[in-house]
Structures are given as structure tokens and as C-alpha cells.
N, C-alpha and C. Protein backbone atom coordinates (compact mmCIF):
# COMPACT_ATOMS: atom_id res chain seq x y z
N MET A 1 0.85 -1.18 0.00
CA MET A 1 0.00 0.00 0.00
C MET A 1 0.89 1.23 0.00
N GLU A 2 0.45 2.26 -0.66
CA GLU A 2 1.19 3.51 -0.76
C GLU A 2 0.23 4.65 -0.48
N ILE A 3 0.64 5.62 0.32
CA ILE A 3 -0.18 6.79 0.60
C ILE A 3 0.43 7.97 -0.15
N LEU A 4 -0.38 8.59 -0.98
CA LEU A 4 0.08 9.72 -1.79
C LEU A 4 -0.75 10.94 -1.45
N GLN A 5 -0.09 12.08 -1.33
CA GLN A 5 -0.82 13.32 -1.04
C GLN A 5 -0.32 14.41 -1.97
N LEU A 6 -1.26 15.16 -2.53
CA LEU A 6 -0.90 16.28 -3.36
C LEU A 6 -1.97 17.34 -3.26
N THR A 7 -1.61 18.56 -3.59
CA THR A 7 -2.57 19.65 -3.65
C THR A 7 -2.76 19.98 -5.12
N THR A 8 -4.00 20.03 -5.56
CA THR A 8 -4.31 20.30 -6.97
C THR A 8 -5.50 21.22 -7.04
N GLU A 9 -5.96 21.53 -8.23
CA GLU A 9 -7.08 22.45 -8.40
C GLU A 9 -8.22 21.80 -9.16
N ILE A 10 -9.41 22.27 -8.87
CA ILE A 10 -10.60 21.86 -9.62
C ILE A 10 -10.83 22.93 -10.67
N ASP A 11 -11.02 22.52 -11.93
CA ASP A 11 -11.17 23.50 -13.02
C ASP A 11 -12.57 24.11 -13.04
N ASP A 12 -12.78 25.03 -13.98
CA ASP A 12 -14.04 25.78 -14.08
C ASP A 12 -15.25 24.88 -14.31
N SER A 13 -15.02 23.72 -14.91
CA SER A 13 -16.14 22.81 -15.17
C SER A 13 -16.40 21.86 -14.00
N GLY A 14 -15.65 22.02 -12.91
CA GLY A 14 -15.84 21.17 -11.74
C GLY A 14 -15.09 19.85 -11.80
N GLN A 15 -14.19 19.71 -12.77
CA GLN A 15 -13.43 18.47 -12.93
C GLN A 15 -12.15 18.50 -12.11
N LEU A 16 -11.90 17.39 -11.44
CA LEU A 16 -10.67 17.20 -10.70
C LEU A 16 -9.85 16.16 -11.45
N LYS A 17 -8.70 16.55 -11.92
CA LYS A 17 -7.85 15.63 -12.67
C LYS A 17 -6.64 15.28 -11.81
N ILE A 18 -6.39 13.99 -11.68
CA ILE A 18 -5.30 13.51 -10.83
C ILE A 18 -4.33 12.70 -11.68
N ASN A 19 -3.07 13.06 -11.65
CA ASN A 19 -2.03 12.32 -12.34
C ASN A 19 -0.95 12.02 -11.31
N LEU A 20 -0.91 10.79 -10.83
CA LEU A 20 0.01 10.42 -9.76
C LEU A 20 0.96 9.33 -10.20
N PRO A 21 2.24 9.62 -10.25
CA PRO A 21 3.20 8.55 -10.51
C PRO A 21 3.36 7.70 -9.25
N THR A 22 3.45 6.38 -9.41
CA THR A 22 3.63 5.50 -8.27
C THR A 22 4.77 4.52 -8.53
N ASN A 23 5.15 3.82 -7.50
CA ASN A 23 6.15 2.77 -7.60
C ASN A 23 5.50 1.40 -7.53
N LEU A 24 4.20 1.33 -7.77
CA LEU A 24 3.47 0.08 -7.66
C LEU A 24 3.62 -0.74 -8.94
N GLU A 25 3.42 -2.04 -8.79
CA GLU A 25 3.48 -2.94 -9.94
C GLU A 25 2.24 -2.75 -10.81
N VAL A 26 2.34 -3.13 -12.08
CA VAL A 26 1.22 -3.05 -13.01
C VAL A 26 0.11 -3.97 -12.54
N GLY A 27 -1.11 -3.51 -12.54
CA GLY A 27 -2.25 -4.32 -12.12
C GLY A 27 -3.36 -3.44 -11.59
N LYS A 28 -4.41 -4.06 -11.12
CA LYS A 28 -5.56 -3.34 -10.59
C LYS A 28 -5.24 -2.80 -9.19
N VAL A 29 -5.80 -1.65 -8.89
CA VAL A 29 -5.65 -1.05 -7.56
C VAL A 29 -6.98 -0.44 -7.14
N ASP A 30 -7.20 -0.35 -5.85
CA ASP A 30 -8.32 0.40 -5.30
C ASP A 30 -7.81 1.80 -4.99
N VAL A 31 -8.59 2.80 -5.35
CA VAL A 31 -8.21 4.19 -5.11
C VAL A 31 -9.27 4.83 -4.23
N VAL A 32 -8.84 5.48 -3.15
CA VAL A 32 -9.73 6.21 -2.26
C VAL A 32 -9.33 7.67 -2.34
N VAL A 33 -10.28 8.54 -2.62
CA VAL A 33 -10.01 9.97 -2.75
C VAL A 33 -10.76 10.71 -1.66
N ILE A 34 -10.04 11.50 -0.90
CA ILE A 34 -10.64 12.37 0.11
C ILE A 34 -10.40 13.80 -0.35
N VAL A 35 -11.46 14.53 -0.60
CA VAL A 35 -11.34 15.91 -1.06
C VAL A 35 -11.52 16.83 0.14
N ASN A 36 -10.48 17.59 0.44
CA ASN A 36 -10.47 18.50 1.58
C ASN A 36 -10.13 19.89 1.07
N PRO A 37 -11.10 20.81 1.00
CA PRO A 37 -10.81 22.14 0.48
C PRO A 37 -9.70 22.83 1.28
N VAL A 38 -8.81 23.51 0.58
CA VAL A 38 -7.68 24.21 1.21
C VAL A 38 -7.96 25.70 1.17
N THR A 39 -7.85 26.35 2.32
CA THR A 39 -8.03 27.79 2.38
C THR A 39 -6.67 28.45 2.56
N GLU A 40 -6.62 29.75 2.35
CA GLU A 40 -5.37 30.48 2.55
C GLU A 40 -4.89 30.34 3.99
N LYS A 41 -5.83 30.27 4.93
CA LYS A 41 -5.48 30.12 6.34
C LYS A 41 -4.76 28.79 6.56
N ASP A 42 -5.21 27.73 5.89
CA ASP A 42 -4.57 26.42 6.01
C ASP A 42 -3.15 26.44 5.48
N LYS A 43 -2.93 27.20 4.40
CA LYS A 43 -1.60 27.26 3.79
C LYS A 43 -0.60 27.96 4.69
N LYS A 44 -1.08 28.91 5.48
CA LYS A 44 -0.20 29.73 6.31
C LYS A 44 -0.33 29.34 7.78
N GLN A 45 -0.25 28.07 8.08
CA GLN A 45 -0.37 27.63 9.47
C GLN A 45 0.79 28.19 10.27
N LYS A 46 0.44 28.88 11.34
CA LYS A 46 1.46 29.46 12.20
C LYS A 46 1.82 28.46 13.30
N SER A 47 3.07 28.48 13.66
CA SER A 47 3.47 27.65 14.78
C SER A 47 2.99 28.33 16.06
N TYR A 48 2.83 27.57 17.11
CA TYR A 48 2.30 28.10 18.37
C TYR A 48 3.26 29.12 18.95
N ASP A 49 2.74 30.18 19.49
CA ASP A 49 3.53 31.23 20.12
C ASP A 49 3.65 30.93 21.61
N PHE A 50 4.85 30.56 22.05
CA PHE A 50 5.08 30.20 23.44
C PHE A 50 5.48 31.39 24.30
N SER A 51 5.44 32.60 23.76
CA SER A 51 5.92 33.76 24.50
C SER A 51 5.15 34.00 25.79
N ASP A 52 3.88 33.59 25.84
CA ASP A 52 3.10 33.79 27.07
C ASP A 52 3.53 32.83 28.18
N LEU A 53 4.33 31.83 27.85
CA LEU A 53 4.78 30.86 28.85
C LEU A 53 6.20 31.14 29.34
N VAL A 54 6.86 32.09 28.71
CA VAL A 54 8.24 32.40 29.06
C VAL A 54 8.26 33.23 30.31
N GLY A 55 9.18 32.93 31.19
CA GLY A 55 9.30 33.70 32.41
C GLY A 55 10.62 33.42 33.10
N LYS A 56 10.76 33.98 34.25
CA LYS A 56 11.99 33.82 35.02
C LYS A 56 11.59 33.53 36.46
N LEU A 57 12.22 32.53 37.02
CA LEU A 57 11.97 32.16 38.41
C LEU A 57 12.97 32.88 39.30
N SER A 58 12.46 33.59 40.27
CA SER A 58 13.34 34.24 41.24
C SER A 58 13.52 33.29 42.41
N TRP A 59 14.69 32.70 42.50
CA TRP A 59 14.96 31.71 43.56
C TRP A 59 15.65 32.39 44.72
N GLN A 60 15.11 32.17 45.90
CA GLN A 60 15.68 32.71 47.12
C GLN A 60 16.24 31.53 47.92
N GLY A 61 17.52 31.49 48.10
CA GLY A 61 18.11 30.42 48.89
C GLY A 61 19.06 29.57 48.07
N ASP A 62 19.50 28.47 48.70
CA ASP A 62 20.46 27.57 48.09
C ASP A 62 19.70 26.44 47.37
N ALA A 63 19.80 26.41 46.06
CA ALA A 63 19.05 25.43 45.27
C ALA A 63 19.51 24.00 45.58
N VAL A 64 20.81 23.80 45.78
CA VAL A 64 21.34 22.46 46.05
C VAL A 64 20.85 21.97 47.41
N ALA A 65 20.83 22.84 48.38
CA ALA A 65 20.37 22.46 49.71
C ALA A 65 18.88 22.09 49.68
N ALA A 66 18.10 22.84 48.91
CA ALA A 66 16.67 22.55 48.80
C ALA A 66 16.46 21.21 48.11
N GLN A 67 17.27 20.91 47.11
CA GLN A 67 17.17 19.64 46.41
C GLN A 67 17.54 18.48 47.33
N ARG A 68 18.57 18.65 48.12
CA ARG A 68 18.96 17.59 49.07
C ARG A 68 17.88 17.37 50.12
N GLN A 69 17.26 18.45 50.56
CA GLN A 69 16.19 18.33 51.55
C GLN A 69 15.03 17.53 50.98
N LEU A 70 14.67 17.79 49.73
CA LEU A 70 13.60 17.03 49.10
C LEU A 70 13.95 15.56 48.97
N ARG A 71 15.19 15.26 48.62
CA ARG A 71 15.62 13.86 48.51
C ARG A 71 15.60 13.16 49.84
N ASP A 72 15.96 13.86 50.90
CA ASP A 72 15.99 13.27 52.24
C ASP A 72 14.59 12.91 52.73
N GLU A 73 13.57 13.58 52.20
CA GLU A 73 12.20 13.29 52.60
C GLU A 73 11.74 11.93 52.09
N TRP A 74 12.39 11.41 51.03
CA TRP A 74 12.00 10.12 50.48
C TRP A 74 12.46 9.05 51.41
């Protein structure tokens, strides 16, 4: 089985023409077509902005001592 994906256009007459080269052997195949309209918004997917999660921790005290204290509790 081979999964192929491409973006193409539907012409003015409503025809969708698909020309897909494959590496499959000669013979019969089943073809499943899923038509998913693409919008300009889909083309320009932005990555998530993590800037609202960025910050700085103000640590008061000895970090190593606090870590040892936590380990000693186990």
C-alpha cells in the first residue's frame, strides 16, 4: 500500500484531474479519494507562540540544599 498526497485544483467545469506517478506494480488497484478544500489560512499555518509561557523564576536560597532536603524526605 502507498499513501500519496498532493494539492491540486478543480477546473471551471468542476473536474478534478489527478495524475500520480507510483512505484506500484502493473495491475488493478483500489483508489480512495478524500477531497479536503484548502483555504489560505490552512496554507499559512502558524506555529504556536510560546511567548506567554516564558518567564523567570526568582529563587531565594540555596538550590542544592533545597534539592537535598527534598531527597531526604524520600
